[in-house]
Amino acid sequence: MENHDTRSNNYLRLIHDRVMSEYPSTVTFLNYRNAFELLIAVILSARTTDQSVNEVTPTLFGKFPTPESLASAELSMLEQIVHKTGFYRSKARNIRATARQIAESHGGLVPSDMDALTALPGVGRKTAHVIRGTLFGLPSIIVDTHFGRVSRRLGLTAETNPLKVERDLEQIIPPELSHSMSMRLNKHGRVYCTSRKPRCEACPLSDVCPKVGVEDP
């Protein structure tokens, strides 16, 4: 493995170029047709798979295509529709309450401001960054399980708390690369840098990765 200062701009650019080549597209794994649908889908994706969300959203948005219609939906019906995504009671409450706030406080439009987004029920910083980066092209470091794990193994950060990871990496990742890095390192964590058995022997970053915390790479 080559020796690199893992927090240097050169190392970051090298990592970004490699994952750009490996994963040319940064299209989200969730299916959506507009900003409102993406927001609701991301809320539903908490602690479940994107596939599960994609299986329920056609029915959900078929019945309630707008913030106004979702805001007035019966909670029991929402619970039934989103049941497969897990934690369905809290998710049903959150998406209905979020739809109501968007309809009543934001003119039916998904806001781009971080504070406005995180004020919506069920929307944390990770969700807010997904929305800001995907829909509005704003700098966004999306710290989920995959991104955090890959970042630590690459030596980009030693932090484990998501907010601390975000704060640490925003000091070294150029704003114009933050969303691209987030999406691609997330995918890298699903394809190669998995939690239990990372595929280091096939990984396109293997020669430059310090493999922090990986046993017998």
Protein backbone atom coordinates (compact mmCIF):
# COMPACT_ATOMS: atom_id res chain seq x y z
CA MET A 1 0.00 0.00 0.00
CA GLU A 2 1.24 3.48 -0.83
CA ASN A 3 1.75 5.87 2.07
CA HIS A 4 -0.55 8.88 2.06
CA ASP A 5 -1.53 11.67 4.39
CA THR A 6 -5.14 10.52 4.61
CA ARG A 7 -6.45 13.98 5.43
CA SER A 8 -4.62 15.75 2.64
CA ASN A 9 -6.31 17.30 -0.36
CA ASN A 10 -4.30 15.09 -2.71
CA TYR A 11 -5.49 11.92 -0.97
CA LEU A 12 -9.10 13.10 -1.01
CA ARG A 13 -8.91 13.92 -4.71
CA LEU A 14 -7.36 10.52 -5.40
CA ILE A 15 -10.14 8.74 -3.50
CA HIS A 16 -12.79 10.84 -5.24
CA ASP A 17 -11.36 10.17 -8.69
CA ARG A 18 -11.25 6.43 -8.02
CA VAL A 19 -14.85 6.19 -6.78
CA MET A 20 -16.03 8.51 -9.56
CA SER A 21 -14.59 6.03 -12.05
CA GLU A 22 -16.07 3.03 -10.21
CA TYR A 23 -19.53 4.57 -9.70
CA PRO A 24 -20.23 7.12 -12.45
CA SER A 25 -23.80 7.74 -11.31
CA THR A 26 -24.85 9.26 -7.97
CA VAL A 27 -28.56 8.65 -8.49
CA THR A 28 -30.20 7.84 -5.17
CA PHE A 29 -31.28 4.26 -4.54
CA LEU A 30 -34.80 5.46 -3.72
CA ASN A 31 -37.44 5.88 -6.42
CA TYR A 32 -39.14 9.29 -6.57
CA ARG A 33 -40.70 11.70 -9.07
CA ASN A 34 -40.45 15.02 -7.24
CA ALA A 35 -38.99 16.71 -4.16
CA PHE A 36 -41.91 15.84 -1.90
CA GLU A 37 -41.73 12.16 -2.78
CA LEU A 38 -37.98 12.04 -2.13
CA LEU A 39 -38.38 13.67 1.27
CA ILE A 40 -41.08 11.21 2.36
CA ALA A 41 -39.12 8.26 0.95
CA VAL A 42 -35.99 9.26 2.87
CA ILE A 43 -37.99 9.55 6.10
CA LEU A 44 -39.36 6.05 5.51
CA SER A 45 -35.88 4.68 4.76
CA ALA A 46 -34.72 5.03 8.37
CA ARG A 47 -33.66 1.64 9.77
CA THR A 48 -34.84 -0.30 6.75
CA THR A 49 -33.77 -1.09 3.19
CA ASP A 50 -34.33 1.13 0.18
CA GLN A 51 -36.01 -1.83 -1.50
CA SER A 52 -38.65 -1.96 1.23
CA VAL A 53 -39.33 1.74 0.78
CA ASN A 54 -39.56 1.41 -2.98
CA GLU A 55 -42.13 -1.33 -2.55
CA VAL A 56 -44.52 0.82 -0.50
CA THR A 57 -44.14 4.28 -2.03
CA PRO A 58 -46.06 3.56 -5.27
CA THR A 59 -49.15 2.78 -3.20
CA LEU A 60 -48.50 5.66 -0.80
CA PHE A 61 -48.09 8.31 -3.49
CA GLY A 62 -50.80 6.79 -5.63
CA LYS A 63 -53.28 7.52 -2.85
CA PHE A 64 -51.66 10.69 -1.48
CA PRO A 65 -49.68 12.44 -4.24
CA THR A 66 -49.43 15.89 -2.59
CA PRO A 67 -48.52 17.29 0.83
CA GLU A 68 -52.12 18.43 1.25
CA SER A 69 -53.58 14.98 0.60
CA LEU A 70 -51.04 13.20 2.80
CA ALA A 71 -51.60 15.72 5.59
CA SER A 72 -55.27 14.76 5.76
CA ALA A 73 -54.80 11.00 5.47
CA GLU A 74 -56.11 8.64 8.13
CA LEU A 75 -53.28 7.47 10.36
CA SER A 76 -54.46 3.86 10.35
CA MET A 77 -54.33 3.75 6.56
CA LEU A 78 -50.82 5.20 6.51
CA GLU A 79 -49.70 2.66 9.09
CA GLN A 80 -51.04 -0.13 6.93
CA ILE A 81 -49.30 1.17 3.80
CA VAL A 82 -45.86 1.75 5.37
CA HIS A 83 -45.96 -1.27 7.69
CA LYS A 84 -43.30 -3.13 5.71
CA THR A 85 -40.69 -0.42 6.38
CA GLY A 86 -40.71 -1.08 10.13
CA PHE A 87 -41.40 1.37 12.98
CA TYR A 88 -44.54 2.02 11.00
CA ARG A 89 -46.48 3.85 13.70
CA SER A 90 -43.88 6.56 14.23
CA LYS A 91 -43.14 6.77 10.50
CA ALA A 92 -46.83 7.19 9.67
CA ARG A 93 -47.11 10.00 12.23
CA ASN A 94 -43.95 11.67 10.98
CA ILE A 95 -44.80 11.66 7.28
CA ARG A 96 -48.28 13.00 7.94
CA ALA A 97 -46.99 15.73 10.26
CA THR A 98 -44.22 16.63 7.81
CA ALA A 99 -46.72 16.85 4.96
CA ARG A 100 -48.87 19.15 7.08
CA GLN A 101 -45.95 21.47 7.88
CA ILE A 102 -44.92 21.63 4.22
CA ALA A 103 -48.47 22.41 3.17
CA GLU A 104 -49.13 24.99 5.89
CA SER A 105 -45.72 26.60 6.46
CA HIS A 106 -43.82 26.19 3.17
CA GLY A 107 -46.44 26.69 0.51
CA GLY A 108 -46.42 23.02 -0.42
CA LEU A 109 -42.71 23.13 -1.34
CA VAL A 110 -39.83 21.25 0.25
CA PRO A 111 -37.49 23.81 1.86
CA SER A 112 -33.73 23.87 1.24
CA ASP A 113 -32.71 25.51 4.53
CA MET A 114 -31.09 23.14 7.03
CA ASP A 115 -32.98 24.51 10.03
CA ALA A 116 -36.30 24.37 8.19
CA LEU A 117 -35.66 20.80 7.10
CA THR A 118 -34.59 19.51 10.51
CA ALA A 119 -37.68 21.14 12.05
CA LEU A 120 -39.81 18.67 10.07
CA PRO A 121 -40.89 15.54 12.00
CA GLY A 122 -38.69 12.56 11.18
CA VAL A 123 -36.01 14.67 9.46
CA GLY A 124 -32.54 14.61 10.99
CA ARG A 125 -29.31 15.99 9.61
CA LYS A 126 -28.68 12.94 7.41
CA THR A 127 -32.07 13.25 5.74
CA ALA A 128 -31.67 17.01 5.42
CA HIS A 129 -28.30 16.60 3.72
CA VAL A 130 -29.75 14.06 1.26
CA ILE A 131 -32.43 16.58 0.32
CA ARG A 132 -30.05 19.56 0.12
CA GLY A 133 -27.49 17.73 -1.98
CA THR A 134 -29.81 15.76 -4.25
CA LEU A 135 -32.44 18.40 -4.93
CA PHE A 136 -30.64 21.70 -4.51
CA GLY A 137 -27.01 20.91 -5.31
CA LEU A 138 -25.85 22.24 -1.95
CA PRO A 139 -22.79 20.96 -0.04
CA SER A 140 -23.86 17.88 1.88
CA ILE A 141 -21.97 15.32 3.91
CA ILE A 142 -24.43 12.45 4.34
CA VAL A 143 -23.27 10.40 7.30
CA ASP A 144 -24.99 7.03 7.33
CA THR A 145 -23.64 3.66 8.47
CA HIS A 146 -21.88 2.90 5.18
CA PHE A 147 -20.30 6.33 4.74
CA GLY A 148 -19.07 6.44 8.33
CA ARG A 149 -17.51 2.99 8.14
CA VAL A 150 -15.73 3.61 4.83
CA SER A 151 -14.48 7.02 5.98
CA ARG A 152 -12.91 5.51 9.09
CA ARG A 153 -11.29 2.64 7.18
CA LEU A 154 -9.84 5.12 4.70
CA GLY A 155 -8.38 7.13 7.57
CA LEU A 156 -10.44 10.23 6.80
CA THR A 157 -11.75 10.40 10.36
CA ALA A 158 -11.53 8.54 13.65
CA GLU A 159 -14.91 9.77 14.86
CA THR A 160 -17.87 7.43 15.31
CA ASN A 161 -20.64 9.88 16.28
CA PRO A 162 -22.43 10.94 13.06
CA LEU A 163 -22.42 14.65 13.90
CA LYS A 164 -18.73 14.54 14.83
CA VAL A 165 -17.97 12.68 11.59
CA GLU A 166 -19.82 15.36 9.65
CA ARG A 167 -18.03 18.21 11.45
CA ASP A 168 -14.66 16.53 11.06
CA LEU A 169 -15.00 15.79 7.35
CA GLU A 170 -16.41 19.16 6.38
CA GLN A 171 -13.02 20.54 7.41
CA ILE A 172 -11.18 18.51 4.77
CA ILE A 173 -13.65 17.61 2.00
CA PRO A 174 -14.09 20.47 -0.48
CA PRO A 175 -17.74 21.62 -0.49
CA GLU A 176 -18.07 20.94 -4.21
CA LEU A 177 -17.10 17.29 -3.66
CA SER A 178 -19.08 16.62 -0.48
CA HIS A 179 -22.29 15.28 -1.99
CA SER A 180 -20.46 13.27 -4.63
CA MET A 181 -18.14 11.74 -2.00
CA SER A 182 -21.07 10.97 0.29
CA MET A 183 -23.08 9.15 -2.34
CA ARG A 184 -20.15 7.23 -3.79
CA LEU A 185 -18.56 6.17 -0.50
CA ASN A 186 -22.01 5.05 0.61
CA LYS A 187 -22.24 2.82 -2.46
CA HIS A 188 -18.66 1.65 -1.96
CA GLY A 189 -19.63 0.51 1.52
CA ARG A 190 -22.41 -1.60 0.04
CA VAL A 191 -20.34 -3.10 -2.78
CA TYR A 192 -16.81 -3.62 -1.41
CA CYS A 193 -16.28 -2.16 2.05
CA THR A 194 -18.98 -4.16 3.81
CA SER A 195 -19.19 -4.36 7.58
CA ARG A 196 -18.26 -7.96 8.30
CA LYS A 197 -16.31 -9.19 5.29
CA PRO A 198 -14.88 -6.29 3.25
CA ARG A 199 -13.71 -7.36 -0.20
CA CYS A 200 -10.28 -5.76 0.08
CA GLU A 201 -8.75 -8.10 -2.49
CA ALA A 202 -11.06 -6.71 -5.20
CA CYS A 203 -11.42 -3.13 -3.94
CA PRO A 204 -10.31 -0.35 -6.33
CA LEU A 205 -9.00 1.60 -3.31
CA SER A 206 -7.04 -1.26 -1.78
CA ASP A 207 -3.59 0.04 -2.77
CA VAL A 208 -4.11 3.42 -1.08
CA CYS A 209 -6.43 2.48 1.79
CA PRO A 210 -4.85 2.06 5.25
CA LYS A 211 -7.66 -0.38 6.12
CA VAL A 212 -8.11 1.05 9.58
CA GLY A 213 -9.82 -1.48 11.85
CA VAL A 214 -9.95 -4.21 9.20
CA GLU A 215 -8.66 -7.55 10.42
CA ASP A 216 -6.43 -9.54 8.06
CA PRO A 217 -7.17 -7.46 4.95
